[in-house]
C-alpha atoms as a PDB file:
ATOM      1  CA  MET A   1     -42.658  15.719  11.134  1.00  0.00           C
ATOM      2  CA  ASN A   2     -42.161  13.959   7.696  1.00  0.00           C
ATOM      3  CA  GLY A   3     -40.505  14.635   4.790  1.00  0.00           C
ATOM      4  CA  LEU A   4     -40.493  14.719   1.287  1.00  0.00           C
ATOM      5  CA  ILE A   5     -37.009  13.642  -1.150  1.00  0.00           C
ATOM      6  CA  THR A   6     -37.748  12.639  -4.690  1.00  0.00           C
ATOM      7  CA  SER A   7     -34.506  13.832  -6.467  1.00  0.00           C
ATOM      8  CA  ARG A   8     -31.808  11.656  -7.069  1.00  0.00           C
ATOM      9  CA  GLN A   9     -29.693  14.185  -6.591  1.00  0.00           C
ATOM     10  CA  ASN A  10     -30.652  15.072  -2.779  1.00  0.00           C
ATOM     11  CA  PRO A  11     -27.078  16.050  -0.898  1.00  0.00           C
ATOM     12  CA  LEU A  12     -28.600  13.644   1.576  1.00  0.00           C
ATOM     13  CA  ILE A  13     -28.956  10.597  -0.842  1.00  0.00           C
ATOM     14  CA  LYS A  14     -25.542  11.276  -2.364  1.00  0.00           C
ATOM     15  CA  HIS A  15     -24.552  10.992   1.167  1.00  0.00           C
ATOM     16  CA  ILE A  16     -26.477   7.836   1.955  1.00  0.00           C
ATOM     17  CA  ARG A  17     -24.443   6.563  -1.368  1.00  0.00           C
ATOM     18  CA  ARG A  18     -21.379   7.016  -0.180  1.00  0.00           C
ATOM     19  CA  LEU A  19     -22.313   5.727   3.297  1.00  0.00           C
ATOM     20  CA  GLY A  20     -23.086   2.318   1.430  1.00  0.00           C
ATOM     21  CA  THR A  21     -20.550   1.797  -0.662  1.00  0.00           C
ATOM     22  CA  ASP A  22     -17.354   3.660   0.736  1.00  0.00           C
ATOM     23  CA  ALA A  23     -16.093   2.339   4.327  1.00  0.00           C
ATOM     24  CA  ALA A  24     -13.673   5.469   4.929  1.00  0.00           C
ATOM     25  CA  TYR A  25     -16.318   7.966   4.269  1.00  0.00           C
ATOM     26  CA  ARG A  26     -18.340   5.977   6.665  1.00  0.00           C
ATOM     27  CA  HIS A  27     -15.724   6.271   9.263  1.00  0.00           C
ATOM     28  CA  GLU A  28     -14.711  10.240   8.319  1.00  0.00           C
ATOM     29  CA  GLN A  29     -18.095  10.847   9.246  1.00  0.00           C
ATOM     30  CA  GLY A  30     -18.506   8.503  12.356  1.00  0.00           C
ATOM     31  CA  LEU A  31     -22.291   7.304  10.570  1.00  0.00           C
ATOM     32  CA  TYR A  32     -22.854   3.582   8.983  1.00  0.00           C
ATOM     33  CA  LEU A  33     -26.338   2.282   7.322  1.00  0.00           C
ATOM     34  CA  ALA A  34     -28.666  -0.554   8.533  1.00  0.00           C
ATOM     35  CA  ASP A  35     -31.937  -1.203   6.525  1.00  0.00           C
ATOM     36  CA  GLY A  36     -35.234  -2.794   7.987  1.00  0.00           C
ATOM     37  CA  ARG A  37     -37.989  -2.303  10.997  1.00  0.00           C
ATOM     38  CA  LYS A  38     -36.555  -4.994  12.820  1.00  0.00           C
ATOM     39  CA  LEU A  39     -33.058  -3.443  12.913  1.00  0.00           C
ATOM     40  CA  LEU A  40     -34.509   0.103  13.395  1.00  0.00           C
ATOM     41  CA  GLU A  41     -36.554  -1.946  16.749  1.00  0.00           C
ATOM     42  CA  ASP A  42     -33.145  -3.234  17.293  1.00  0.00           C
ATOM     43  CA  ALA A  43     -30.974   0.438  17.804  1.00  0.00           C
ATOM     44  CA  LEU A  44     -34.387   2.248  19.332  1.00  0.00           C
ATOM     45  CA  GLN A  45     -34.722  -0.142  21.887  1.00  0.00           C
ATOM     46  CA  SER A  46     -30.421  -0.272  22.341  1.00  0.00           C
ATOM     47  CA  GLY A  47     -30.824   3.297  22.245  1.00  0.00           C
ATOM     48  CA  THR A  48     -28.086   4.206  19.534  1.00  0.00           C
ATOM     49  CA  ARG A  49     -27.992   7.290  18.330  1.00  0.00           C
ATOM     50  CA  ILE A  50     -29.712   7.680  14.924  1.00  0.00           C
ATOM     51  CA  GLU A  51     -29.330  10.538  12.994  1.00  0.00           C
ATOM     52  CA  GLN A  52     -32.075  10.048   9.626  1.00  0.00           C
ATOM     53  CA  VAL A  53     -34.554   7.632   8.975  1.00  0.00           C
ATOM     54  CA  LEU A  54     -35.785   7.248   5.324  1.00  0.00           C
ATOM     55  CA  ILE A  55     -39.073   5.049   4.761  1.00  0.00           C
ATOM     56  CA  THR A  56     -40.721   4.523   0.930  1.00  0.00           C
ATOM     57  CA  GLU A  57     -44.047   6.527   0.259  1.00  0.00           C
ATOM     58  CA  GLY A  58     -47.349   4.692   1.982  1.00  0.00           C
ATOM     59  CA  LEU A  59     -45.355   3.351   4.566  1.00  0.00           C
ATOM     60  CA  SER A  60     -45.670   4.374   8.169  1.00  0.00           C
ATOM     61  CA  LEU A  61     -44.319   3.214  11.809  1.00  0.00           C
ATOM     62  CA  PRO A  62     -45.386   3.212  15.045  1.00  0.00           C
ATOM     63  CA  TYR A  63     -42.560   5.174  16.298  1.00  0.00           C
ATOM     64  CA  ASP A  64     -42.386   8.746  17.650  1.00  0.00           C
ATOM     65  CA  ILE A  65     -39.342   8.911  15.162  1.00  0.00           C
ATOM     66  CA  GLU A  66     -38.855  12.342  12.396  1.00  0.00           C
ATOM     67  CA  THR A  67     -38.520  10.355   9.351  1.00  0.00           C
ATOM     68  CA  VAL A  68     -38.287  11.691   5.292  1.00  0.00           C
ATOM     69  CA  THR A  69     -40.442   9.779   2.546  1.00  0.00           C
ATOM     70  CA  VAL A  70     -38.897   8.797  -0.871  1.00  0.00           C
ATOM     71  CA  PRO A  71     -40.263   6.743  -4.050  1.00  0.00           C
ATOM     72  CA  LYS A  72     -40.142   3.726  -3.963  1.00  0.00           C
ATOM     73  CA  THR A  73     -37.946   3.791  -7.131  1.00  0.00           C
ATOM     74  CA  LEU A  74     -35.545   6.610  -5.036  1.00  0.00           C
ATOM     75  CA  MET A  75     -35.455   3.692  -2.218  1.00  0.00           C
ATOM     76  CA  ASP A  76     -34.794   1.060  -4.602  1.00  0.00           C
ATOM     77  CA  THR A  77     -31.244   3.161  -5.815  1.00  0.00           C
ATOM     78  CA  ILE A  78     -30.086   3.474  -2.464  1.00  0.00           C
ATOM     79  CA  SER A  79     -30.867   0.567   0.052  1.00  0.00           C
ATOM     80  CA  PRO A  80     -27.877  -1.842   0.045  1.00  0.00           C
ATOM     81  CA  LEU A  81     -30.443  -3.990  -0.133  1.00  0.00           C
ATOM     82  CA  GLU A  82     -31.462  -6.109  -3.799  1.00  0.00           C
ATOM     83  CA  THR A  83     -35.061  -6.279  -1.956  1.00  0.00           C
ATOM     84  CA  PRO A  84     -35.631  -3.268   0.121  1.00  0.00           C
ATOM     85  CA  GLN A  85     -37.863  -3.582   3.424  1.00  0.00           C
ATOM     86  CA  GLY A  86     -38.718   0.424   2.494  1.00  0.00           C
ATOM     87  CA  VAL A  87     -36.669   1.474   5.882  1.00  0.00           C
ATOM     88  CA  LEU A  88     -33.752   2.793   5.803  1.00  0.00           C
ATOM     89  CA  PHE A  89     -31.703   4.474   8.093  1.00  0.00           C
ATOM     90  CA  ILE A  90     -28.189   6.346   9.262  1.00  0.00           C
ATOM     91  CA  CYS A  91     -26.751   5.218  12.487  1.00  0.00           C
ATOM     92  CA  ARG A  92     -23.722   7.302  14.784  1.00  0.00           C
ATOM     93  CA  ILE A  93     -20.783   4.961  15.071  1.00  0.00           C
ATOM     94  CA  PRO A  94     -19.796   4.763  18.531  1.00  0.00           C
ATOM     95  CA  GLN A  95     -16.456   5.678  20.106  1.00  0.00           C
ATOM     96  CA  PRO A  96     -14.446   2.792  20.618  1.00  0.00           C
ATOM     97  CA  PRO A  97     -14.578   1.851  24.088  1.00  0.00           C
ATOM     98  CA  PRO A  98     -10.932   2.207  25.841  1.00  0.00           C
ATOM     99  CA  ALA A  99      -8.482  -0.660  26.393  1.00  0.00           C
ATOM    100  CA  PRO A 100     -10.552  -3.482  28.082  1.00  0.00           C
ATOM    101  CA  GLN A 101      -9.711  -4.477  31.977  1.00  0.00           C
ATOM    102  CA  ARG A 102     -11.682  -7.414  32.722  1.00  0.00           C
ATOM    103  CA  GLY A 103     -14.141  -9.174  30.754  1.00  0.00           C
ATOM    104  CA  ARG A 104     -13.801 -11.906  27.451  1.00  0.00           C
ATOM    105  CA  TRP A 105     -13.121 -10.659  24.296  1.00  0.00           C
ATOM    106  CA  LEU A 106     -12.566 -11.964  20.778  1.00  0.00           C
ATOM    107  CA  LEU A 107      -9.951 -10.296  18.125  1.00  0.00           C
ATOM    108  CA  LEU A 108     -10.443 -10.801  14.829  1.00  0.00           C
ATOM    109  CA  ASP A 109      -7.585 -10.500  12.285  1.00  0.00           C
ATOM    110  CA  ARG A 110      -8.011  -9.740   8.629  1.00  0.00           C
ATOM    111  CA  ILE A 111     -10.830 -11.439   8.401  1.00  0.00           C
ATOM    112  CA  GLN A 112     -12.441 -10.048   5.062  1.00  0.00           C
ATOM    113  CA  ASP A 113     -15.652 -10.654   4.812  1.00  0.00           C
ATOM    114  CA  PRO A 114     -18.231  -8.792   6.454  1.00  0.00           C
ATOM    115  CA  GLY A 115     -20.626 -11.401   6.445  1.00  0.00           C
ATOM    116  CA  ASN A 116     -18.237 -13.432   8.604  1.00  0.00           C
ATOM    117  CA  VAL A 117     -17.541 -10.103  10.126  1.00  0.00           C
ATOM    118  CA  GLY A 118     -20.722  -9.750  11.316  1.00  0.00           C
ATOM    119  CA  SER A 119     -21.524 -13.433  11.943  1.00  0.00           C
ATOM    120  CA  ILE A 120     -18.818 -13.503  14.664  1.00  0.00           C
ATOM    121  CA  LEU A 121     -20.119 -10.078  16.117  1.00  0.00           C
ATOM    122  CA  ARG A 122     -23.554 -11.682  16.516  1.00  0.00           C
ATOM    123  CA  THR A 123     -22.381 -15.319  18.046  1.00  0.00           C
ATOM    124  CA  ALA A 124     -20.348 -13.362  20.392  1.00  0.00           C
ATOM    125  CA  GLU A 125     -22.939 -11.194  21.581  1.00  0.00           C
ATOM    126  CA  ALA A 126     -24.831 -14.491  22.165  1.00  0.00           C
ATOM    127  CA  PHE A 127     -22.707 -15.919  24.388  1.00  0.00           C
ATOM    128  CA  GLY A 128     -22.312 -13.058  26.734  1.00  0.00           C
ATOM    129  CA  LEU A 129     -19.141 -12.104  25.301  1.00  0.00           C
ATOM    130  CA  ASP A 130     -17.721  -8.676  26.415  1.00  0.00           C
ATOM    131  CA  GLY A 131     -16.527  -7.645  23.227  1.00  0.00           C
ATOM    132  CA  VAL A 132     -14.651  -7.485  19.511  1.00  0.00           C
ATOM    133  CA  MET A 133     -11.466  -6.191  18.234  1.00  0.00           C
ATOM    134  CA  LEU A 134     -10.511  -6.161  14.613  1.00  0.00           C
ATOM    135  CA  THR A 135      -7.154  -5.358  13.163  1.00  0.00           C
ATOM    136  CA  PRO A 136      -7.144  -2.543  10.377  1.00  0.00           C
ATOM    137  CA  GLY A 137      -7.019  -5.804   7.767  1.00  0.00           C
ATOM    138  CA  CYS A 138     -10.192  -6.711   8.656  1.00  0.00           C
ATOM    139  CA  ALA A 139     -13.584  -6.188   7.056  1.00  0.00           C
ATOM    140  CA  ASP A 140     -15.489  -3.019   8.343  1.00  0.00           C
ATOM    141  CA  PRO A 141     -18.217  -4.110  10.734  1.00  0.00           C
ATOM    142  CA  TYR A 142     -20.343  -1.070   9.756  1.00  0.00           C
ATOM    143  CA  SER A 143     -20.624  -2.280   6.282  1.00  0.00           C
ATOM    144  CA  PRO A 144     -24.203  -3.033   5.529  1.00  0.00           C
ATOM    145  CA  LYS A 145     -23.223  -6.215   4.912  1.00  0.00           C
ATOM    146  CA  ALA A 146     -21.652  -6.586   7.902  1.00  0.00           C
ATOM    147  CA  VAL A 147     -24.703  -4.964   9.835  1.00  0.00           C
ATOM    148  CA  ARG A 148     -26.998  -7.218   8.569  1.00  0.00           C
ATOM    149  CA  ALA A 149     -25.414 -10.131   9.499  1.00  0.00           C
ATOM    150  CA  ALA A 150     -24.719  -9.006  12.909  1.00  0.00           C
ATOM    151  CA  MET A 151     -28.807  -8.753  13.905  1.00  0.00           C
ATOM    152  CA  GLY A 152     -28.727  -6.352  15.894  1.00  0.00           C
ATOM    153  CA  ALA A 153     -25.411  -7.246  17.893  1.00  0.00           C
ATOM    154  CA  THR A 154     -23.378  -3.756  16.330  1.00  0.00           C
ATOM    155  CA  PHE A 155     -26.035  -1.875  18.459  1.00  0.00           C
ATOM    156  CA  ARG A 156     -25.528  -3.156  21.127  1.00  0.00           C
ATOM    157  CA  LEU A 157     -21.511  -5.021  21.471  1.00  0.00           C
ATOM    158  CA  SER A 158     -18.297  -2.851  22.387  1.00  0.00           C
ATOM    159  CA  ILE A 159     -16.439  -2.671  18.960  1.00  0.00           C
ATOM    160  CA  GLY A 160     -13.007  -1.401  19.146  1.00  0.00           C
ATOM    161  CA  SER A 161      -9.598  -1.916  16.928  1.00  0.00           C
ATOM    162  CA  VAL A 162      -6.779  -3.768  18.647  1.00  0.00           C
ATOM    163  CA  ASN A 163      -5.710  -2.901  22.276  1.00  0.00           C
ATOM    164  CA  ILE A 164      -4.681  -5.647  24.117  1.00  0.00           C
ATOM    165  CA  THR A 165      -3.803  -5.315  28.031  1.00  0.00           C
ATOM    166  CA  LEU A 166      -5.340  -8.970  28.427  1.00  0.00           C
ATOM    167  CA  PRO A 167      -3.986 -12.493  28.523  1.00  0.00           C
ATOM    168  CA  LEU A 168      -3.699 -13.222  24.946  1.00  0.00           C
ATOM    169  CA  TYR A 169      -4.473 -16.815  23.431  1.00  0.00           C
ATOM    170  CA  ALA A 170      -4.530 -17.204  19.527  1.00  0.00           C
ATOM    171  CA  ALA A 171      -6.416 -20.370  17.772  1.00  0.00           C
ATOM    172  CA  ASP A 172      -4.393 -21.521  15.140  1.00  0.00           C
ATOM    173  CA  MET A 173      -3.770 -25.504  14.020  1.00  0.00           C
ATOM    174  CA  GLY A 174      -1.882 -27.299  16.824  1.00  0.00           C
ATOM    175  CA  GLY A 175      -2.459 -25.436  20.083  1.00  0.00           C
ATOM    176  CA  THR A 176      -3.603 -26.458  23.070  1.00  0.00           C
ATOM    177  CA  VAL A 177      -6.371 -27.616  23.510  1.00  0.00           C
ATOM    178  CA  LEU A 178      -8.151 -25.254  25.954  1.00  0.00           C
ATOM    179  CA  SER A 179     -11.770 -25.716  27.372  1.00  0.00           C
ATOM    180  CA  ASP A 180     -11.634 -23.413  30.508  1.00  0.00           C
ATOM    181  CA  PHE A 181     -10.753 -20.002  29.641  1.00  0.00           C
ATOM    182  CA  PRO A 182      -9.543 -17.440  31.763  1.00  0.00           C
ATOM    183  CA  GLU A 183     -12.211 -14.917  32.912  1.00  0.00           C
ATOM    184  CA  ASP A 184     -10.610 -11.609  31.619  1.00  0.00           C
ATOM    185  CA  CYS A 185      -8.738 -12.917  28.065  1.00  0.00           C
ATOM    186  CA  VAL A 186      -8.392 -12.202  24.482  1.00  0.00           C
ATOM    187  CA  VAL A 187      -9.034 -14.878  21.513  1.00  0.00           C
ATOM    188  CA  ALA A 188      -7.147 -14.456  18.201  1.00  0.00           C
ATOM    189  CA  LEU A 189      -8.918 -15.491  15.540  1.00  0.00           C
ATOM    190  CA  GLY A 190      -7.137 -15.252  12.172  1.00  0.00           C
ATOM    191  CA  SER A 191      -8.094 -14.384   8.448  1.00  0.00           C
ATOM    192  CA  GLU A 192      -9.947 -16.889   6.117  1.00  0.00           C
ATOM    193  CA  GLY A 193      -6.863 -17.439   4.587  1.00  0.00           C
ATOM    194  CA  GLN A 194      -4.022 -17.114   6.055  1.00  0.00           C
ATOM    195  CA  GLY A 195      -4.710 -17.549  10.280  1.00  0.00           C
ATOM    196  CA  ILE A 196      -3.137 -15.236  12.990  1.00  0.00           C
ATOM    197  CA  SER A 197      -0.518 -12.986  11.642  1.00  0.00           C
ATOM    198  CA  PRO A 198       3.062 -13.643  12.798  1.00  0.00           C
ATOM    199  CA  GLU A 199       3.261 -10.286  15.336  1.00  0.00           C
ATOM    200  CA  LEU A 200       0.074 -12.164  17.148  1.00  0.00           C
ATOM    201  CA  ARG A 201       1.301 -15.453  17.248  1.00  0.00           C
ATOM    202  CA  SER A 202       4.591 -13.895  18.977  1.00  0.00           C
ATOM    203  CA  ARG A 203       2.455 -11.809  21.493  1.00  0.00           C
ATOM    204  CA  ALA A 204       0.021 -14.614  21.702  1.00  0.00           C
ATOM    205  CA  ASP A 205       0.520 -15.873  25.784  1.00  0.00           C
ATOM    206  CA  GLU A 206      -0.877 -19.596  24.197  1.00  0.00           C
ATOM    207  CA  ILE A 207      -1.902 -21.373  21.021  1.00  0.00           C
ATOM    208  CA  ILE A 208      -4.653 -23.157  21.255  1.00  0.00           C
ATOM    209  CA  SER A 209      -6.810 -25.423  18.864  1.00  0.00           C
ATOM    210  CA  ILE A 210     -10.004 -26.664  18.630  1.00  0.00           C
ATOM    211  CA  PRO A 211     -10.491 -30.795  18.773  1.00  0.00           C
ATOM    212  CA  MET A 212     -11.604 -32.253  15.470  1.00  0.00           C
ATOM    213  CA  PRO A 213     -11.869 -35.778  15.675  1.00  0.00           C
ATOM    214  CA  GLY A 214     -13.736 -35.975  12.801  1.00  0.00           C
ATOM    215  CA  LYS A 215     -11.679 -35.987   8.979  1.00  0.00           C
ATOM    216  CA  ALA A 216     -12.194 -32.003   8.389  1.00  0.00           C
ATOM    217  CA  GLU A 217      -8.700 -30.788   8.141  1.00  0.00           C
ATOM    218  CA  SER A 218      -9.878 -27.184   9.133  1.00  0.00           C
ATOM    219  CA  LEU A 219     -13.304 -25.224  10.430  1.00  0.00           C
ATOM    220  CA  GLY A 220     -14.109 -22.241   8.583  1.00  0.00           C
ATOM    221  CA  VAL A 221     -13.666 -18.690  10.322  1.00  0.00           C
ATOM    222  CA  ALA A 222     -18.022 -18.151  11.321  1.00  0.00           C
ATOM    223  CA  ALA A 223     -17.649 -22.001  13.122  1.00  0.00           C
ATOM    224  CA  ALA A 224     -14.491 -21.739  14.813  1.00  0.00           C
ATOM    225  CA  ALA A 225     -15.928 -18.293  16.066  1.00  0.00           C
ATOM    226  CA  ALA A 226     -19.258 -20.046  17.521  1.00  0.00           C
ATOM    227  CA  VAL A 227     -17.125 -22.822  19.141  1.00  0.00           C
ATOM    228  CA  ILE A 228     -14.907 -20.857  20.529  1.00  0.00           C
ATOM    229  CA  CYS A 229     -17.562 -18.322  21.946  1.00  0.00           C
ATOM    230  CA  TRP A 230     -19.923 -21.407  23.445  1.00  0.00           C
ATOM    231  CA  GLU A 231     -16.035 -21.756  25.268  1.00  0.00           C
ATOM    232  CA  MET A 232     -15.472 -18.369  26.180  1.00  0.00           C
ATOM    233  CA  GLY A 233     -18.740 -17.794  27.257  1.00  0.00           C
ATOM    234  CA  LYS A 234     -19.783 -21.226  29.939  1.00  0.00           C
ATOM    235  CA  GLY A 235     -18.910 -19.571  32.620  1.00  0.00           C
ATOM    236  CA  LYS A 236     -21.970 -17.051  32.840  1.00  0.00           C
ATOM    237  CA  GLN A 237     -24.802 -19.520  31.274  1.00  0.00           C
ATOM    238  CA  HIS A 238     -25.821 -20.187  34.845  1.00  0.00           C
ATOM    239  CA  LYS A 239     -25.906 -16.733  35.738  1.00  0.00           C
END
């Protein structure tokens, strides 16, 4: 059954605008936005709880789900995309996972670019990590930009706040080159400008770094995450 909304003052439209721009409101409501047919398909296949689907007039979907239709001009005002794809949907933020007792996890410390956060989520999933923790200073992983960059990983990967019960390795310059991570561990990556916080550094069992024989002084955090995730995931590649 489809509904039709044409007014910009409709409560659902106002609600969607706030979900797209207000991180505190997203987490207060326990909801976030995602856009596009591909992400909707990923969300449905992963069992993500979808609360509402909006489509532009003239568009149909090959899924047995209830939708609300809006004019293209209205979709243009509420979609976080500059060029909306005609599908916008609201998902339920899952309950954060309990403190991990097993597995390999990333910990993101004050990474403020939502595009980087989303890209790292995508990378962590690609290499088989068990989940990602984020400190309060990180960009919201459920912001529209992070969700787009994650390319569906948001629906499938465990995402939680800092709750460390496993050995902690902090990635930073001048640390030990570690190429064989233990089966159960957490690796922390610091912010783009400041690196690992002093608190996390003091809690780390070991400081590790990526060997760079070239002339570059450092890697961007998304690139560093890709290297570390590949190293962490090597044990799973042949299973």
